[in-house]
Protein backbone atom coordinates (compact mmCIF):
# COMPACT_ATOMS: atom_id res chain seq x y z
CA MET A 1 1.62 -30.22 -14.67
CA THR A 2 2.43 -32.04 -17.82
CA MET A 3 0.81 -31.76 -21.39
CA GLN A 4 0.95 -35.03 -23.01
CA GLY A 5 4.19 -36.25 -20.78
CA LYS A 6 5.80 -32.90 -21.87
CA PRO A 7 6.23 -29.93 -19.45
CA GLN A 8 3.78 -26.90 -20.06
CA PRO A 9 5.72 -24.08 -21.14
CA PRO A 10 6.53 -21.23 -18.62
CA LEU A 11 3.38 -18.71 -18.02
CA THR A 12 3.87 -15.62 -16.45
CA VAL A 13 0.11 -13.98 -15.14
CA THR A 14 0.33 -10.58 -13.88
CA ILE A 15 -3.34 -10.13 -11.11
CA CYS A 16 -4.44 -6.23 -11.58
CA GLY A 17 -5.58 -5.93 -7.85
CA GLY A 18 -4.76 -6.51 -4.56
CA GLY A 19 -8.41 -7.08 -3.40
CA ARG A 20 -9.58 -10.58 -1.93
CA THR A 21 -10.24 -12.33 -5.52
CA GLY A 22 -6.43 -11.22 -6.60
CA HIS A 23 -4.87 -12.23 -3.55
CA LEU A 24 -6.11 -15.67 -3.75
CA ASN A 25 -6.18 -15.95 -7.26
CA ALA A 26 -2.01 -14.95 -6.92
CA VAL A 27 -1.75 -17.84 -4.19
CA LEU A 28 -3.45 -20.42 -6.01
CA PHE A 29 -1.82 -19.60 -8.97
CA LYS A 30 1.74 -19.90 -7.59
CA GLN A 31 1.47 -23.51 -6.51
CA LEU A 32 0.91 -24.26 -10.33
CA PRO A 33 5.08 -25.18 -11.73
CA GLY A 34 5.77 -23.21 -14.53
CA VAL A 35 3.88 -20.20 -13.52
CA THR A 36 5.28 -16.82 -13.03
CA VAL A 37 2.66 -14.54 -10.70
CA ASN A 38 2.82 -10.67 -10.62
CA LEU A 39 0.86 -8.35 -8.85
CA LEU A 40 0.02 -5.29 -9.85
CA THR A 41 -1.81 -2.96 -7.03
CA ALA A 42 -2.12 0.63 -5.29
CA ASN A 43 -2.36 -0.94 -1.86
CA SER A 44 1.12 0.20 -0.53
CA ASP A 45 0.61 -2.47 2.38
CA VAL A 46 0.56 -5.61 -0.03
CA LEU A 47 4.11 -4.08 -1.51
CA THR A 48 5.72 -3.45 2.07
CA ALA A 49 4.80 -7.25 3.05
CA HIS A 50 6.45 -8.87 -0.48
CA GLU A 51 9.21 -6.21 0.31
CA ALA A 52 9.63 -7.88 3.57
CA GLY A 53 9.86 -11.11 2.61
CA GLU A 54 6.58 -11.85 4.03
CA PRO A 55 4.51 -14.96 2.21
CA VAL A 56 0.96 -14.67 1.28
CA VAL A 57 -1.50 -17.59 3.54
CA ALA A 58 -4.44 -19.21 2.02
CA HIS A 59 -7.06 -20.23 4.18
CA LEU A 60 -8.94 -23.15 2.65
CA PRO A 61 -11.86 -25.52 3.88
CA GLY A 62 -11.24 -27.43 6.33
CA ASN A 63 -8.48 -25.73 8.18
CA ARG A 64 -5.85 -26.11 5.22
CA GLN A 65 -3.73 -23.45 4.52
CA ILE A 66 -1.00 -22.91 1.46
CA THR A 67 1.38 -20.37 1.41
CA ALA A 68 3.45 -18.09 -1.79
CA ARG A 69 5.81 -16.13 -2.24
CA LEU A 70 4.68 -13.93 -5.36
CA ASP A 71 7.39 -13.34 -8.12
CA ARG A 72 6.90 -9.01 -8.27
CA VAL A 73 4.46 -6.85 -6.53
CA SER A 74 4.81 -3.67 -7.77
CA THR A 75 2.30 -0.20 -8.07
CA ASP A 76 4.37 0.47 -11.34
CA ALA A 77 2.90 -1.47 -14.28
CA ALA A 78 5.99 -0.99 -16.13
CA ASP A 79 7.24 -3.84 -13.81
CA VAL A 80 4.99 -6.41 -14.22
CA ILE A 81 2.66 -6.23 -17.50
CA PRO A 82 5.26 -6.46 -20.32
CA ASP A 83 6.22 -9.86 -19.74
CA ALA A 84 2.58 -10.86 -19.11
CA ASP A 85 1.31 -13.54 -21.12
CA VAL A 86 -2.14 -13.25 -19.23
CA ILE A 87 -3.43 -10.26 -17.55
CA ILE A 88 -6.42 -10.77 -15.17
CA VAL A 89 -8.31 -7.64 -13.98
CA THR A 90 -9.88 -8.08 -10.12
CA LEU A 91 -10.31 -3.93 -9.69
CA PRO A 92 -14.01 -3.33 -9.07
CA ALA A 93 -15.74 -2.43 -12.42
CA HIS A 94 -15.55 1.42 -11.67
CA ALA A 95 -11.48 1.68 -11.32
CA ARG A 96 -11.51 -0.62 -14.50
CA MET A 97 -11.10 2.07 -17.09
CA SER A 98 -8.07 3.86 -15.13
CA LEU A 99 -6.58 0.45 -15.06
CA LEU A 100 -6.41 -0.21 -18.08
CA GLU A 101 -5.09 3.19 -19.10
CA GLN A 102 -2.14 2.62 -16.88
CA ILE A 103 -1.59 -1.07 -18.25
CA ALA A 104 -1.92 0.09 -22.16
CA PRO A 105 1.64 1.31 -22.98
CA TYR A 106 3.16 -1.50 -21.42
CA VAL A 107 1.41 -4.25 -22.64
CA ALA A 108 3.40 -6.60 -25.16
CA VAL A 109 3.09 -6.00 -28.60
CA ASP A 110 5.08 -9.28 -29.92
CA LYS A 111 2.59 -12.07 -28.62
CA PRO A 112 -0.65 -12.91 -27.94
CA VAL A 113 -1.55 -11.29 -24.63
CA PHE A 114 -5.06 -12.70 -22.72
CA VAL A 115 -6.28 -9.82 -21.17
CA GLY A 116 -9.50 -10.47 -18.99
CA ALA A 117 -11.62 -9.77 -15.94
CA ILE A 118 -12.39 -11.26 -13.08
CA PRO A 119 -15.68 -11.08 -12.91
CA GLY A 120 -16.39 -9.77 -16.45
CA PHE A 121 -19.69 -8.25 -15.63
CA CYS A 122 -20.43 -4.14 -16.47
CA GLY A 123 -19.73 -4.60 -20.13
CA PHE A 124 -15.73 -4.89 -19.92
CA ASP A 125 -15.51 -6.23 -23.62
CA TRP A 126 -16.68 -2.68 -24.46
CA LEU A 127 -14.52 -1.02 -22.03
CA ALA A 128 -11.26 -3.17 -23.27
CA GLU A 129 -12.21 -2.17 -26.74
CA GLN A 130 -12.32 1.32 -26.24
CA ILE A 131 -8.91 0.89 -24.43
CA LEU A 132 -6.60 -1.45 -26.16
CA GLY A 133 -8.82 -2.01 -29.32
CA GLU A 134 -5.88 -0.65 -31.58
CA LEU A 135 -3.57 -3.56 -29.95
CA PRO A 136 -4.60 -6.49 -32.23
CA ASN A 137 -2.33 -9.20 -30.39
CA VAL A 138 -4.84 -8.40 -27.44
CA VAL A 139 -7.25 -10.95 -26.72
CA ILE A 140 -10.20 -9.45 -24.91
CA TRP A 141 -12.01 -11.91 -22.40
CA GLY A 142 -13.98 -12.24 -19.00
CA MET A 143 -14.90 -14.67 -16.59
CA LYS A 144 -18.86 -14.96 -15.50
CA ASP A 145 -18.25 -15.13 -11.91
CA VAL A 146 -15.50 -15.16 -9.67
CA PRO A 147 -13.91 -18.97 -9.30
CA HIS A 148 -14.44 -18.65 -4.94
CA THR A 149 -15.90 -16.17 -2.58
CA ALA A 150 -12.88 -14.92 -0.96
CA PHE A 151 -13.28 -13.02 2.46
CA GLU A 152 -10.95 -12.00 5.75
CA LEU A 153 -8.11 -10.06 3.41
CA ASP A 154 -5.15 -9.11 5.49
CA PRO A 155 -3.68 -7.02 2.88
CA GLY A 156 -0.33 -8.54 1.52
CA ARG A 157 0.01 -11.32 4.29
CA SER A 158 -3.25 -13.64 3.94
CA ILE A 159 -7.23 -14.60 2.64
CA ARG A 160 -9.61 -16.69 3.07
CA MET A 161 -11.25 -19.12 0.74
CA GLY A 162 -14.55 -19.61 0.90
CA GLY A 163 -16.81 -21.91 -1.61
CA PRO A 164 -15.54 -23.10 -4.89
CA LYS A 165 -17.37 -22.56 -8.60
CA ALA A 166 -18.31 -25.88 -10.11
CA THR A 167 -17.60 -25.09 -13.49
CA LEU A 168 -16.18 -21.72 -14.59
CA HIS A 169 -17.27 -20.00 -17.40
CA VAL A 170 -15.68 -17.36 -19.71
CA ALA A 171 -16.52 -15.57 -22.82
CA THR A 172 -14.73 -13.39 -25.47
CA HIS A 173 -14.93 -10.20 -27.19
CA ASP A 174 -16.61 -10.71 -30.44
CA ARG A 175 -13.15 -9.63 -32.30
CA GLU A 176 -11.37 -13.20 -31.16
CA ASP A 177 -11.00 -15.58 -33.78
CA ASP A 178 -11.90 -19.39 -32.73
CA LEU A 179 -7.52 -20.22 -32.08
CA SER A 180 -7.58 -17.19 -29.52
CA ARG A 181 -10.28 -18.79 -27.92
CA ASP A 182 -8.41 -22.17 -27.70
CA GLN A 183 -5.34 -20.80 -26.35
CA LEU A 184 -7.19 -18.81 -23.53
CA LEU A 185 -9.29 -22.01 -22.64
CA ALA A 186 -5.49 -24.00 -22.71
CA HIS A 187 -4.26 -21.10 -19.90
CA LEU A 188 -7.12 -20.82 -18.03
CA ASN A 189 -7.49 -24.60 -17.42
CA ARG A 190 -3.97 -24.77 -16.57
CA LEU A 191 -4.66 -22.28 -14.27
CA TYR A 192 -7.99 -23.58 -12.48
CA ASP A 193 -8.93 -26.93 -11.42
CA ALA A 194 -12.58 -26.71 -11.73
CA PRO A 195 -13.57 -27.17 -15.81
CA VAL A 196 -13.39 -23.91 -17.84
CA GLU A 197 -16.21 -23.51 -20.15
CA MET A 198 -16.73 -20.73 -23.38
CA LEU A 199 -19.70 -19.24 -23.58
CA GLU A 200 -20.47 -18.09 -27.14
CA SER A 201 -21.04 -14.19 -26.44
CA PHE A 202 -20.08 -11.53 -24.36
CA LEU A 203 -23.63 -10.79 -23.29
CA GLU A 204 -24.09 -14.11 -21.62
CA ILE A 205 -21.83 -12.22 -18.84
CA THR A 206 -23.09 -9.39 -18.85
CA LEU A 207 -26.61 -10.12 -18.27
CA THR A 208 -25.70 -12.65 -16.36
CA PRO A 209 -28.10 -12.01 -12.87
CA GLY A 210 -25.46 -10.99 -10.36
CA ASN A 211 -24.04 -8.25 -7.67
CA PRO A 212 -25.78 -5.48 -9.49
CA ILE A 213 -29.12 -7.01 -8.89
CA MET A 214 -28.48 -9.12 -5.69
CA HIS A 215 -26.50 -6.62 -3.91
CA SER A 216 -29.01 -3.41 -4.39
CA SER A 217 -31.79 -5.50 -4.08
CA VAL A 218 -31.11 -6.63 -0.77
CA ILE A 219 -29.90 -2.98 0.19
CA TYR A 220 -33.44 -1.85 -1.25
CA GLY A 221 -35.07 -4.65 1.54
CA LEU A 222 -33.02 -3.21 4.13
CA ILE A 223 -32.73 0.50 4.41
CA GLY A 224 -35.12 1.22 1.34
CA PRO A 225 -38.65 3.01 1.62
CA PHE A 226 -40.19 -0.36 2.90
CA GLY A 227 -37.12 -1.85 4.61
CA GLN A 228 -37.31 -2.63 8.49
CA TRP A 229 -34.15 -0.01 8.40
CA HIS A 230 -35.32 2.60 6.77
CA ASN A 231 -34.05 5.80 8.06
CA ARG A 232 -32.60 4.21 10.79
CA GLN A 233 -29.24 2.99 12.03
CA PHE A 234 -27.87 -0.37 12.56
CA GLY A 235 -26.63 -1.25 15.96
CA LYS A 236 -24.56 -3.96 14.98
CA PRO A 237 -22.66 -5.45 11.92
CA ILE A 238 -24.84 -7.81 9.52
CA CYS A 239 -24.06 -10.32 7.00
CA TRP A 240 -25.68 -9.77 3.57
CA TRP A 241 -26.98 -13.35 2.66
CA SER A 242 -28.19 -15.11 6.09
CA GLU A 243 -29.31 -12.11 7.48
CA CYS A 244 -31.32 -11.01 3.75
CA PRO A 245 -34.70 -9.76 4.94
CA GLU A 246 -37.63 -11.17 3.06
CA ILE A 247 -38.85 -8.05 1.32
CA GLY A 248 -34.82 -8.29 -0.31
CA ALA A 249 -35.45 -11.76 -1.65
CA TYR A 250 -38.89 -10.44 -3.42
CA PHE A 251 -37.48 -7.31 -4.79
CA LEU A 252 -34.61 -9.29 -6.07
CA GLU A 253 -37.06 -12.37 -7.69
CA ARG A 254 -38.80 -9.00 -9.28
CA CYS A 255 -35.50 -7.96 -10.55
CA ASP A 256 -34.52 -11.24 -12.07
CA GLY A 257 -37.79 -11.59 -13.42
CA GLU A 258 -37.26 -8.07 -15.39
CA SER A 259 -33.69 -9.01 -16.45
CA GLN A 260 -34.87 -12.54 -17.84
CA GLN A 261 -37.47 -10.15 -20.20
CA LEU A 262 -34.71 -8.17 -21.16
CA CYS A 263 -32.88 -11.62 -22.08
CA LYS A 264 -35.66 -12.73 -24.31
CA VAL A 265 -36.05 -9.66 -26.25
CA ILE A 266 -32.13 -9.12 -26.28
CA GLU A 267 -32.33 -12.17 -27.79
CA ARG A 268 -34.85 -11.60 -30.44
CA GLU A 269 -33.24 -8.24 -31.67
CA LEU A 270 -29.92 -9.49 -32.06
CA SER A 271 -30.17 -13.22 -32.70
CA VAL A 272 -28.25 -14.49 -29.90
CA ASP A 273 -28.25 -17.42 -27.94
CA LEU A 274 -28.99 -16.36 -24.04
CA SER A 275 -30.28 -19.57 -22.92
CA SER A 276 -27.00 -19.88 -20.45
CA VAL A 277 -28.43 -16.43 -18.64
CA ARG A 278 -30.71 -18.43 -16.33
CA PRO A 279 -32.87 -17.23 -13.21
CA LEU A 280 -30.73 -16.34 -10.84
CA LYS A 281 -31.83 -18.68 -8.09
CA ASP A 282 -30.85 -21.66 -10.87
CA GLU A 283 -27.66 -20.29 -11.20
CA ILE A 284 -26.51 -19.63 -7.42
CA VAL A 285 -27.54 -23.44 -6.82
CA ASP A 286 -25.69 -24.88 -9.72
CA ALA A 287 -22.66 -22.54 -8.66
CA TYR A 288 -22.71 -23.86 -5.05
CA GLY A 289 -24.77 -27.22 -5.12
CA ASP A 290 -24.42 -28.97 -1.67
CA GLN A 291 -23.22 -26.01 -0.09
CA ILE A 292 -26.70 -24.82 -0.22
CA THR A 293 -28.93 -26.76 2.54
CA ASP A 294 -32.40 -25.20 1.45
CA SER A 295 -33.25 -24.36 -1.79
CA HIS A 296 -36.52 -24.13 -1.67
CA THR A 297 -37.05 -20.57 -2.25
CA MET A 298 -34.97 -17.68 -3.07
CA LEU A 299 -34.69 -16.59 0.63
CA SER A 300 -33.21 -19.97 1.78
CA VAL A 301 -31.20 -19.97 -0.66
CA LEU A 302 -29.19 -17.04 -0.11
CA ARG A 303 -29.88 -17.82 3.74
CA SER A 304 -28.26 -21.48 3.84
CA ASN A 305 -25.60 -20.86 1.40
CA GLN A 306 -22.35 -22.03 2.99
CA ALA A 307 -20.22 -20.29 0.85
CA TYR A 308 -22.15 -16.68 1.59
CA ALA A 309 -22.15 -17.49 5.30
CA GLY A 310 -20.13 -14.50 7.30
CA ILE A 311 -19.66 -12.30 4.60
CA LEU A 312 -20.92 -8.62 5.96
CA ALA A 313 -22.59 -6.11 4.67
CA PRO A 314 -20.59 -2.71 3.89
CA LEU A 315 -21.56 -0.71 7.03
CA ILE A 316 -19.91 2.34 8.78
CA PRO A 317 -20.46 4.64 11.60
CA ASP A 318 -22.96 6.91 11.18
CA THR A 319 -19.98 9.59 12.49
CA PRO A 320 -16.75 8.99 13.36
CA SER A 321 -17.46 8.27 17.25
CA SER A 322 -20.57 6.72 16.79
CA GLU A 323 -21.10 3.35 17.50
CA ASN A 324 -24.13 3.17 14.91
CA LEU A 325 -23.82 1.80 11.69
CA ILE A 326 -25.38 2.93 8.45
CA MET A 327 -24.63 1.42 4.74
CA ASP A 328 -21.99 3.15 3.36
CA PRO A 329 -22.49 5.05 0.11
CA LYS A 330 -19.17 5.01 -1.64
CA SER A 331 -18.92 0.88 -1.15
CA ARG A 332 -18.67 -1.19 -4.23
CA ALA A 333 -22.66 -2.13 -3.84
CA PHE A 334 -23.03 1.52 -5.03
CA GLU A 335 -19.94 2.92 -6.98
CA GLU A 336 -19.88 -0.77 -8.77
CA ASP A 337 -23.02 -2.38 -8.87
CA VAL A 338 -25.12 0.22 -9.43
CA ALA A 339 -23.33 2.90 -11.56
CA PHE A 340 -21.67 0.52 -13.57
CA GLY A 341 -24.13 -2.59 -13.45
CA LEU A 342 -27.56 -1.57 -12.90
CA ALA A 343 -26.96 1.38 -15.02
CA LEU A 344 -26.07 -0.82 -17.88
CA LEU A 345 -29.51 -2.98 -17.44
CA VAL A 346 -31.61 0.30 -17.34
CA GLU A 347 -30.21 1.44 -20.64
CA MET A 348 -30.36 -1.46 -22.35
CA GLY A 349 -34.01 -1.59 -21.45
CA ARG A 350 -34.60 2.08 -22.12
CA ARG A 351 -33.43 1.55 -25.61
CA LEU A 352 -34.98 -2.05 -26.67
CA SER A 353 -38.06 -0.37 -24.63
CA VAL A 354 -38.33 -3.10 -22.42
CA PRO A 355 -40.20 -2.02 -19.20
CA LEU A 356 -37.93 -3.05 -16.23
CA PRO A 357 -39.93 -1.20 -13.04
CA HIS A 358 -38.48 -2.63 -10.17
CA ILE A 359 -34.59 -2.52 -11.81
CA GLU A 360 -35.62 0.75 -12.20
CA GLU A 361 -37.21 2.00 -8.98
CA ILE A 362 -33.35 0.12 -7.25
CA PHE A 363 -31.64 2.39 -9.47
CA GLY A 364 -33.33 5.34 -8.95
CA TRP A 365 -33.00 5.35 -4.65
CA CYS A 366 -30.06 3.92 -5.04
CA VAL A 367 -28.50 6.82 -7.41
CA THR A 368 -30.14 8.92 -5.06
CA TYR A 369 -28.88 7.62 -1.86
CA MET A 370 -25.05 7.65 -3.43
CA GLY A 371 -25.27 11.43 -3.97
CA GLY A 372 -25.65 10.89 -7.90
CA LEU A 373 -23.67 9.43 -10.63
CA ALA A 374 -19.46 10.35 -11.11
CA LYS A 375 -18.83 7.54 -13.53
CA SER A 376 -20.97 4.86 -14.68
CA SER A 377 -20.83 1.99 -17.69
CA LEU A 378 -22.67 4.58 -19.59
CA ASP A 379 -19.31 6.03 -20.42
CA TYR A 380 -18.36 3.62 -22.54
CA PHE A 381 -20.98 1.46 -23.61
CA PRO A 382 -21.59 1.73 -27.49
CA HIS A 383 -23.94 4.40 -28.41
CA SER A 384 -24.73 2.62 -31.36
CA TRP A 385 -25.95 -0.41 -29.32
CA PRO A 386 -27.53 -2.23 -29.96
CA THR A 387 -27.55 -1.49 -33.41
CA GLU A 388 -24.08 -2.00 -33.69
CA GLY A 389 -21.82 -2.91 -30.98
CA HIS A 390 -22.30 -6.12 -31.19
CA LYS A 391 -21.46 -8.53 -33.63
CA LEU A 392 -24.90 -10.08 -35.39
């Protein structure tokens, strides 16, 4: 790519996390001139494939594919962090604290380094400040959602791209200045085809109704006390969205309504504009456009979104030798979305005296199903919020 007829300067991007989003972003970034792409991963299969010289294949919609040979892949932060201009954390929220602690000693201190999370929900700005806050050159940012859905990962070898977002939205920590925000936008607009827009507050990401209420509501509708599969086993895999039950969509709409009410109170109490945090149904329709064939109801939006097609719910065998399946209590839907997403909403509601009956009901049931909380977003959520922890 060029800017005003001149080649853009070299840019080194290190992606932390060898999952679906990490793989897809890595392949896409390697198609760009002047961009070096490194991958930090704990998955030894990814490292083995790279050392064997295997390229990573991304299967795109329309039976197209692209390939990439990443510049460096390592399980050691010292190999891939020091040169990075942009560091993108794609690990689930419950793994981010240890990851940031791992990379912190190796982040360059002689240039701006843009450390962000995709997606940035679950209070990534507060977590990154807690661990990287003493590095003034670090610019903390997050993206509102993943740029594309991705699935069918073969680690180190291939990934399949689902539907893309029409527009990408990012935010920075309150501490960042306008120059840092402009530099971040320049980098991200170079890396992504979709236009990237800057939000005014990171709370617009933290409070966006995404996976924390989507996954937990569907789970509760499937296997909760009112679900068809309560105290029963599944005989075959099911898809999250195309097989979403009506009661799951019902609880999702109730949780979304409560989340919107929480936003209104936060807007009033903190004098922050959260108008970008729109009802979930509107968010999904805007994000996926004509990939949704029926946008009449929440249920039809979920079931008819082509970008969601084929995404399986996290089921595991009831016993090692069983063909019967149960919802995996250690999946990201619980350890990330419940422990780090719903927990934050429940605590915000408690501190601001905002009733969240459906969110609290689902949260409590899910915590019981997963056997309690080991770690959660409350480990880094500022104790003084909302009095402090947000720039008024």
